[in-house]
Amino acid sequence: MVDSSMFMIQHPSATCPGCESSLSYGTKEEASSWKVYYECNDGCGFNQMAGRVKLTDVDHQDEVHDRAREMGEQWTNRNEQK
């Protein structure tokens, strides 16, 4: 679940599967990884953990955000895939 203190960044192209609004993502550092969360910007209730980025796989927080953005691609171009 998205933590209220988590800084959220709007994904450039991912859209909510429920209402088609834009999605934002945030990361939360834990002992061995960063958790990546996505939520709807319109507040429809969509809120999902997209995955994890292991601390050992990245050297800088920019890399965490790059991977988090990549995780959001699963919610991009859904209409083109139908």
PDB file of N, CA and C in Angstrom:
ATOM      1  N   MET A   1       0.835  -1.180   0.000  1.00  0.00           N
ATOM      2  CA  MET A   1       0.000   0.000   0.000  1.00  0.00           C
ATOM      3  C   MET A   1       0.877   1.240   0.000  1.00  0.00           C
ATOM      4  N   VAL A   2       0.437   2.261  -0.745  1.00  0.00           N
ATOM      5  CA  VAL A   2       1.184   3.508  -0.840  1.00  0.00           C
ATOM      6  C   VAL A   2       1.189   4.201   0.512  1.00  0.00           C
ATOM      7  N   ASP A   3       2.373   4.572   0.955  1.00  0.00           N
ATOM      8  CA  ASP A   3       2.564   5.290   2.213  1.00  0.00           C
ATOM      9  C   ASP A   3       2.272   6.766   1.971  1.00  0.00           C
ATOM     10  N   SER A   4       1.560   7.410   2.858  1.00  0.00           N
ATOM     11  CA  SER A   4       1.188   8.817   2.669  1.00  0.00           C
ATOM     12  C   SER A   4       2.401   9.742   2.625  1.00  0.00           C
ATOM     13  N   SER A   5       3.540   9.305   3.148  1.00  0.00           N
ATOM     14  CA  SER A   5       4.743  10.128   3.102  1.00  0.00           C
ATOM     15  C   SER A   5       5.575   9.866   1.852  1.00  0.00           C
ATOM     16  N   MET A   6       5.154   8.924   1.021  1.00  0.00           N
ATOM     17  CA  MET A   6       5.894   8.558  -0.183  1.00  0.00           C
ATOM     18  C   MET A   6       5.761   9.647  -1.244  1.00  0.00           C
ATOM     19  N   PHE A   7       6.872  10.039  -1.829  1.00  0.00           N
ATOM     20  CA  PHE A   7       6.875  11.018  -2.914  1.00  0.00           C
ATOM     21  C   PHE A   7       6.469  10.300  -4.200  1.00  0.00           C
ATOM     22  N   MET A   8       5.398  10.778  -4.831  1.00  0.00           N
ATOM     23  CA  MET A   8       4.879  10.132  -6.033  1.00  0.00           C
ATOM     24  C   MET A   8       5.281  10.926  -7.271  1.00  0.00           C
ATOM     25  N   ILE A   9       5.596  10.190  -8.359  1.00  0.00           N
ATOM     26  CA  ILE A   9       6.006  10.780  -9.629  1.00  0.00           C
ATOM     27  C   ILE A   9       5.039  10.306 -10.699  1.00  0.00           C
ATOM     28  N   GLN A  10       4.532  11.223 -11.501  1.00  0.00           N
ATOM     29  CA  GLN A  10       3.591  10.835 -12.552  1.00  0.00           C
ATOM     30  C   GLN A  10       4.332  10.092 -13.661  1.00  0.00           C
ATOM     31  N   HIS A  11       3.812   8.925 -14.024  1.00  0.00           N
ATOM     32  CA  HIS A  11       4.379   8.151 -15.127  1.00  0.00           C
ATOM     33  C   HIS A  11       4.009   8.851 -16.426  1.00  0.00           C
ATOM     34  N   PRO A  12       4.928   8.916 -17.393  1.00  0.00           N
ATOM     35  CA  PRO A  12       4.650   9.672 -18.615  1.00  0.00           C
ATOM     36  C   PRO A  12       3.547   9.084 -19.504  1.00  0.00           C
ATOM     37  N   SER A  13       3.258   7.778 -19.396  1.00  0.00           N
ATOM     38  CA  SER A  13       2.281   7.200 -20.322  1.00  0.00           C
ATOM     39  C   SER A  13       1.378   6.123 -19.737  1.00  0.00           C
ATOM     40  N   ALA A  14       1.619   5.673 -18.535  1.00  0.00           N
ATOM     41  CA  ALA A  14       0.793   4.612 -17.942  1.00  0.00           C
ATOM     42  C   ALA A  14      -0.563   5.164 -17.532  1.00  0.00           C
ATOM     43  N   THR A  15      -1.607   4.360 -17.783  1.00  0.00           N
ATOM     44  CA  THR A  15      -2.961   4.775 -17.420  1.00  0.00           C
ATOM     45  C   THR A  15      -3.620   3.718 -16.540  1.00  0.00           C
ATOM     46  N   CYS A  16      -4.526   4.182 -15.717  1.00  0.00           N
ATOM     47  CA  CYS A  16      -5.233   3.331 -14.767  1.00  0.00           C
ATOM     48  C   CYS A  16      -6.094   2.307 -15.507  1.00  0.00           C
ATOM     49  N   PRO A  17      -6.000   1.037 -15.125  1.00  0.00           N
ATOM     50  CA  PRO A  17      -6.834   0.022 -15.769  1.00  0.00           C
ATOM     51  C   PRO A  17      -8.309   0.147 -15.409  1.00  0.00           C
ATOM     52  N   GLY A  18      -8.605   0.902 -14.358  1.00  0.00           N
ATOM     53  CA  GLY A  18      -9.987   1.061 -13.939  1.00  0.00           C
ATOM     54  C   GLY A  18     -10.693   2.237 -14.571  1.00  0.00           C
ATOM     55  N   CYS A  19      -9.990   3.388 -14.653  1.00  0.00           N
ATOM     56  CA  CYS A  19     -10.670   4.604 -15.122  1.00  0.00           C
ATOM     57  C   CYS A  19      -9.923   5.347 -16.226  1.00  0.00           C
ATOM     58  N   GLU A  20      -8.772   4.836 -16.648  1.00  0.00           N
ATOM     59  CA  GLU A  20      -7.967   5.423 -17.731  1.00  0.00           C
ATOM     60  C   GLU A  20      -7.289   6.743 -17.377  1.00  0.00           C
ATOM     61  N   SER A  21      -7.299   7.149 -16.105  1.00  0.00           N
ATOM     62  CA  SER A  21      -6.553   8.337 -15.688  1.00  0.00           C
ATOM     63  C   SER A  21      -5.068   7.990 -15.630  1.00  0.00           C
ATOM     64  N   SER A  22      -4.231   9.002 -15.517  1.00  0.00           N
ATOM     65  CA  SER A  22      -2.791   8.754 -15.438  1.00  0.00           C
ATOM     66  C   SER A  22      -2.426   8.096 -14.109  1.00  0.00           C
ATOM     67  N   LEU A  23      -1.296   7.405 -14.115  1.00  0.00           N
ATOM     68  CA  LEU A  23      -0.792   6.746 -12.916  1.00  0.00           C
ATOM     69  C   LEU A  23       0.470   7.429 -12.424  1.00  0.00           C
ATOM     70  N   SER A  24       0.682   7.370 -11.125  1.00  0.00           N
ATOM     71  CA  SER A  24       1.916   7.842 -10.507  1.00  0.00           C
ATOM     72  C   SER A  24       2.554   6.679  -9.768  1.00  0.00           C
ATOM     73  N   TYR A  25       3.876   6.771  -9.605  1.00  0.00           N
ATOM     74  CA  TYR A  25       4.597   5.725  -8.888  1.00  0.00           C
ATOM     75  C   TYR A  25       5.446   6.320  -7.783  1.00  0.00           C
ATOM     76  N   GLY A  26       5.702   5.491  -6.798  1.00  0.00           N
ATOM     77  CA  GLY A  26       6.559   5.873  -5.688  1.00  0.00           C
ATOM     78  C   GLY A  26       7.376   4.678  -5.261  1.00  0.00           C
ATOM     79  N   THR A  27       8.468   4.934  -4.570  1.00  0.00           N
ATOM     80  CA  THR A  27       9.330   3.856  -4.097  1.00  0.00           C
ATOM     81  C   THR A  27       9.499   3.968  -2.590  1.00  0.00           C
ATOM     82  N   LYS A  28       9.694   2.808  -1.975  1.00  0.00           N
ATOM     83  CA  LYS A  28       9.892   2.757  -0.529  1.00  0.00           C
ATOM     84  C   LYS A  28      11.084   1.843  -0.250  1.00  0.00           C
ATOM     85  N   GLU A  29      12.109   2.385   0.389  1.00  0.00           N
ATOM     86  CA  GLU A  29      13.303   1.600   0.690  1.00  0.00           C
ATOM     87  C   GLU A  29      13.051   0.678   1.873  1.00  0.00           C
ATOM     88  N   GLU A  30      13.473  -0.567   1.708  1.00  0.00           N
ATOM     89  CA  GLU A  30      13.411  -1.541   2.789  1.00  0.00           C
ATOM     90  C   GLU A  30      14.811  -2.121   2.984  1.00  0.00           C
ATOM     91  N   ALA A  31      14.932  -3.127   3.800  1.00  0.00           N
ATOM     92  CA  ALA A  31      16.244  -3.670   4.170  1.00  0.00           C
ATOM     93  C   ALA A  31      17.060  -4.142   2.969  1.00  0.00           C
ATOM     94  N   SER A  32      16.454  -4.834   2.016  1.00  0.00           N
ATOM     95  CA  SER A  32      17.219  -5.390   0.902  1.00  0.00           C
ATOM     96  C   SER A  32      16.722  -4.962  -0.470  1.00  0.00           C
ATOM     97  N   SER A  33      15.668  -4.146  -0.513  1.00  0.00           N
ATOM     98  CA  SER A  33      15.127  -3.744  -1.811  1.00  0.00           C
ATOM     99  C   SER A  33      14.291  -2.480  -1.695  1.00  0.00           C
ATOM    100  N   TRP A  34      13.964  -1.928  -2.856  1.00  0.00           N
ATOM    101  CA  TRP A  34      13.015  -0.834  -2.960  1.00  0.00           C
ATOM    102  C   TRP A  34      11.708  -1.438  -3.439  1.00  0.00           C
ATOM    103  N   LYS A  35      10.600  -1.148  -2.764  1.00  0.00           N
ATOM    104  CA  LYS A  35       9.284  -1.543  -3.249  1.00  0.00           C
ATOM    105  C   LYS A  35       8.787  -0.441  -4.168  1.00  0.00           C
ATOM    106  N   VAL A  36       8.165  -0.849  -5.276  1.00  0.00           N
ATOM    107  CA  VAL A  36       7.627   0.103  -6.247  1.00  0.00           C
ATOM    108  C   VAL A  36       6.103   0.007  -6.232  1.00  0.00           C
ATOM    109  N   TYR A  37       5.456   1.139  -5.995  1.00  0.00           N
ATOM    110  CA  TYR A  37       3.993   1.196  -5.936  1.00  0.00           C
ATOM    111  C   TYR A  37       3.460   2.112  -7.028  1.00  0.00           C
ATOM    112  N   TYR A  38       2.299   1.768  -7.545  1.00  0.00           N
ATOM    113  CA  TYR A  38       1.582   2.612  -8.511  1.00  0.00           C
ATOM    114  C   TYR A  38       0.199   2.916  -7.971  1.00  0.00           C
ATOM    115  N   GLU A  39      -0.279   4.137  -8.241  1.00  0.00           N
ATOM    116  CA  GLU A  39      -1.634   4.502  -7.848  1.00  0.00           C
ATOM    117  C   GLU A  39      -2.238   5.436  -8.880  1.00  0.00           C
ATOM    118  N   CYS A  40      -3.575   5.447  -8.926  1.00  0.00           N
ATOM    119  CA  CYS A  40      -4.325   6.285  -9.847  1.00  0.00           C
ATOM    120  C   CYS A  40      -4.279   7.733  -9.382  1.00  0.00           C
ATOM    121  N   ASN A  41      -4.035   8.653 -10.326  1.00  0.00           N
ATOM    122  CA  ASN A  41      -4.020  10.080  -9.993  1.00  0.00           C
ATOM    123  C   ASN A  41      -5.415  10.643  -9.766  1.00  0.00           C
ATOM    124  N   ASP A  42      -6.433   9.931 -10.236  1.00  0.00           N
ATOM    125  CA  ASP A  42      -7.811  10.405 -10.101  1.00  0.00           C
ATOM    126  C   ASP A  42      -8.459   9.903  -8.808  1.00  0.00           C
ATOM    127  N   GLY A  43      -7.754   9.030  -8.108  1.00  0.00           N
ATOM    128  CA  GLY A  43      -8.257   8.541  -6.830  1.00  0.00           C
ATOM    129  C   GLY A  43      -9.369   7.519  -6.924  1.00  0.00           C
ATOM    130  N   CYS A  44      -9.413   6.740  -8.015  1.00  0.00           N
ATOM    131  CA  CYS A  44     -10.472   5.742  -8.184  1.00  0.00           C
ATOM    132  C   CYS A  44     -10.285   4.530  -7.272  1.00  0.00           C
ATOM    133  N   GLY A  45      -9.118   4.440  -6.661  1.00  0.00           N
ATOM    134  CA  GLY A  45      -8.855   3.330  -5.757  1.00  0.00           C
ATOM    135  C   GLY A  45      -7.788   2.368  -6.246  1.00  0.00           C
ATOM    136  N   PHE A  46      -7.349   2.514  -7.524  1.00  0.00           N
ATOM    137  CA  PHE A  46      -6.284   1.634  -8.020  1.00  0.00           C
ATOM    138  C   PHE A  46      -4.999   1.951  -7.275  1.00  0.00           C
ATOM    139  N   ASN A  47      -4.413   0.937  -6.670  1.00  0.00           N
ATOM    140  CA  ASN A  47      -3.212   1.068  -5.868  1.00  0.00           C
ATOM    141  C   ASN A  47      -2.567  -0.308  -5.863  1.00  0.00           C
ATOM    142  N   GLN A  48      -1.377  -0.428  -6.446  1.00  0.00           N
ATOM    143  CA  GLN A  48      -0.769  -1.750  -6.581  1.00  0.00           C
ATOM    144  C   GLN A  48       0.740  -1.690  -6.443  1.00  0.00           C
ATOM    145  N   MET A  49       1.296  -2.708  -5.767  1.00  0.00           N
ATOM    146  CA  MET A  49       2.739  -2.847  -5.742  1.00  0.00           C
ATOM    147  C   MET A  49       3.143  -3.486  -7.068  1.00  0.00           C
ATOM    148  N   ALA A  50       3.989  -2.791  -7.820  1.00  0.00           N
ATOM    149  CA  ALA A  50       4.391  -3.260  -9.146  1.00  0.00           C
ATOM    150  C   ALA A  50       5.574  -4.210  -9.083  1.00  0.00           C
ATOM    151  N   GLY A  51       6.360  -4.145  -8.017  1.00  0.00           N
ATOM    152  CA  GLY A  51       7.518  -5.019  -7.913  1.00  0.00           C
ATOM    153  C   GLY A  51       8.556  -4.472  -6.957  1.00  0.00           C
ATOM    154  N   ARG A  52       9.729  -5.055  -7.045  1.00  0.00           N
ATOM    155  CA  ARG A  52      10.856  -4.666  -6.187  1.00  0.00           C
ATOM    156  C   ARG A  52      12.109  -4.471  -7.022  1.00  0.00           C
ATOM    157  N   VAL A  53      12.985  -3.608  -6.521  1.00  0.00           N
ATOM    158  CA  VAL A  53      14.303  -3.412  -7.103  1.00  0.00           C
ATOM    159  C   VAL A  53      15.301  -3.726  -6.000  1.00  0.00           C
ATOM    160  N   LYS A  54      16.129  -4.746  -6.203  1.00  0.00           N
ATOM    161  CA  LYS A  54      17.116  -5.112  -5.187  1.00  0.00           C
ATOM    162  C   LYS A  54      18.150  -4.006  -5.023  1.00  0.00           C
ATOM    163  N   LEU A  55      18.508  -3.724  -3.781  1.00  0.00           N
ATOM    164  CA  LEU A  55      19.523  -2.700  -3.502  1.00  0.00           C
ATOM    165  C   LEU A  55      20.848  -3.036  -4.173  1.00  0.00           C
ATOM    166  N   THR A  56      21.156  -4.319  -4.283  1.00  0.00           N
ATOM    167  CA  THR A  56      22.422  -4.740  -4.883  1.00  0.00           C
ATOM    168  C   THR A  56      22.435  -4.571  -6.404  1.00  0.00           C
ATOM    169  N   ASP A  57      21.265  -4.329  -7.014  1.00  0.00           N
ATOM    170  CA  ASP A  57      21.181  -4.178  -8.472  1.00  0.00           C
ATOM    171  C   ASP A  57      21.322  -2.744  -8.950  1.00  0.00           C
ATOM    172  N   VAL A  58      21.366  -1.784  -8.021  1.00  0.00           N
ATOM    173  CA  VAL A  58      21.449  -0.375  -8.406  1.00  0.00           C
ATOM    174  C   VAL A  58      22.534   0.336  -7.602  1.00  0.00           C
ATOM    175  N   ASP A  59      23.116   1.353  -8.235  1.00  0.00           N
ATOM    176  CA  ASP A  59      24.150   2.145  -7.568  1.00  0.00           C
ATOM    177  C   ASP A  59      23.652   3.514  -7.131  1.00  0.00           C
ATOM    178  N   HIS A  60      22.549   3.959  -7.720  1.00  0.00           N
ATOM    179  CA  HIS A  60      22.054   5.315  -7.459  1.00  0.00           C
ATOM    180  C   HIS A  60      20.534   5.305  -7.503  1.00  0.00           C
ATOM    181  N   GLN A  61      19.916   6.218  -6.785  1.00  0.00           N
ATOM    182  CA  GLN A  61      18.457   6.269  -6.726  1.00  0.00           C
ATOM    183  C   GLN A  61      17.835   6.562  -8.090  1.00  0.00           C
ATOM    184  N   ASP A  62      18.569   7.240  -8.980  1.00  0.00           N
ATOM    185  CA  ASP A  62      18.055   7.471 -10.334  1.00  0.00           C
ATOM    186  C   ASP A  62      17.777   6.147 -11.046  1.00  0.00           C
ATOM    187  N   GLU A  63      18.609   5.150 -10.791  1.00  0.00           N
ATOM    188  CA  GLU A  63      18.400   3.829 -11.387  1.00  0.00           C
ATOM    189  C   GLU A  63      17.138   3.175 -10.834  1.00  0.00           C
ATOM    190  N   VAL A  64      16.843   3.415  -9.574  1.00  0.00           N
ATOM    191  CA  VAL A  64      15.614   2.891  -8.967  1.00  0.00           C
ATOM    192  C   VAL A  64      14.412   3.486  -9.690  1.00  0.00           C
ATOM    193  N   HIS A  65      14.437   4.800  -9.926  1.00  0.00           N
ATOM    194  CA  HIS A  65      13.320   5.459 -10.599  1.00  0.00           C
ATOM    195  C   HIS A  65      13.197   4.991 -12.052  1.00  0.00           C
ATOM    196  N   ASP A  66      14.324   4.757 -12.720  1.00  0.00           N
ATOM    197  CA  ASP A  66      14.276   4.236 -14.090  1.00  0.00           C
ATOM    198  C   ASP A  66      13.582   2.876 -14.121  1.00  0.00           C
ATOM    199  N   ARG A  67      13.938   2.013 -13.195  1.00  0.00           N
ATOM    200  CA  ARG A  67      13.315   0.685 -13.148  1.00  0.00           C
ATOM    201  C   ARG A  67      11.851   0.760 -12.743  1.00  0.00           C
ATOM    202  N   ALA A  68      11.533   1.664 -11.835  1.00  0.00           N
ATOM    203  CA  ALA A  68      10.137   1.841 -11.423  1.00  0.00           C
ATOM    204  C   ALA A  68       9.293   2.312 -12.602  1.00  0.00           C
ATOM    205  N   ARG A  69       9.851   3.226 -13.398  1.00  0.00           N
ATOM    206  CA  ARG A  69       9.146   3.714 -14.578  1.00  0.00           C
ATOM    207  C   ARG A  69       8.931   2.573 -15.579  1.00  0.00           C
ATOM    208  N   GLU A  70       9.939   1.722 -15.753  1.00  0.00           N
ATOM    209  CA  GLU A  70       9.820   0.571 -16.643  1.00  0.00           C
ATOM    210  C   GLU A  70       8.712  -0.378 -16.181  1.00  0.00           C
ATOM    211  N   MET A  71       8.564  -0.551 -14.874  1.00  0.00           N
ATOM    212  CA  MET A  71       7.514  -1.424 -14.346  1.00  0.00           C
ATOM    213  C   MET A  71       6.125  -0.927 -14.729  1.00  0.00           C
ATOM    214  N   GLY A  72       5.983   0.375 -14.903  1.00  0.00           N
ATOM    215  CA  GLY A  72       4.700   0.955 -15.269  1.00  0.00           C
ATOM    216  C   GLY A  72       4.305   0.721 -16.713  1.00  0.00           C
ATOM    217  N   GLU A  73       5.242   0.242 -17.520  1.00  0.00           N
ATOM    218  CA  GLU A  73       4.943  -0.001 -18.930  1.00  0.00           C
ATOM    219  C   GLU A  73       3.849  -1.047 -19.118  1.00  0.00           C
ATOM    220  N   GLN A  74       3.607  -1.871 -18.108  1.00  0.00           N
ATOM    221  CA  GLN A  74       2.530  -2.855 -18.219  1.00  0.00           C
ATOM    222  C   GLN A  74       1.161  -2.188 -18.302  1.00  0.00           C
ATOM    223  N   TRP A  75       1.067  -0.907 -17.938  1.00  0.00           N
ATOM    224  CA  TRP A  75      -0.193  -0.168 -18.009  1.00  0.00           C
ATOM    225  C   TRP A  75      -0.170   0.891 -19.117  1.00  0.00           C
ATOM    226  N   THR A  76       0.694   0.673 -20.109  1.00  0.00           N
ATOM    227  CA  THR A  76       0.820   1.592 -21.234  1.00  0.00           C
ATOM    228  C   THR A  76       0.354   0.901 -22.505  1.00  0.00           C
ATOM    229  N   ASN A  77      -0.292   1.624 -23.373  1.00  0.00           N
ATOM    230  CA  ASN A  77      -0.706   1.129 -24.696  1.00  0.00           C
ATOM    231  C   ASN A  77      -1.613  -0.070 -24.652  1.00  0.00           C
ATOM    232  N   ARG A  78      -2.430  -0.192 -23.621  1.00  0.00           N
ATOM    233  CA  ARG A  78      -3.362  -1.337 -23.541  1.00  0.00           C
ATOM    234  C   ARG A  78      -4.374  -1.309 -24.678  1.00  0.00           C
ATOM    235  N   ASN A  79      -4.811  -0.108 -25.061  1.00  0.00           N
ATOM    236  CA  ASN A  79      -5.810  -0.002 -26.136  1.00  0.00           C
ATOM    237  C   ASN A  79      -5.248  -0.451 -27.474  1.00  0.00           C
ATOM    238  N   GLU A  80      -3.964  -0.268 -27.682  1.00  0.00           N
ATOM    239  CA  GLU A  80      -3.330  -0.690 -28.929  1.00  0.00           C
ATOM    240  C   GLU A  80      -3.175  -2.202 -28.989  1.00  0.00           C
ATOM    241  N   GLN A  81      -3.162  -2.880 -27.822  1.00  0.00           N
ATOM    242  CA  GLN A  81      -2.959  -4.327 -27.776  1.00  0.00           C
ATOM    243  C   GLN A  81      -4.260  -5.101 -27.958  1.00  0.00           C
ATOM    244  N   LYS A  82      -5.399  -4.447 -27.882  1.00  0.00           N
ATOM    245  CA  LYS A  82      -6.691  -5.128 -27.993  1.00  0.00           C
ATOM    246  C   LYS A  82      -7.003  -5.540 -29.409  1.00  0.00           C
TER     247      LYS A  82
END
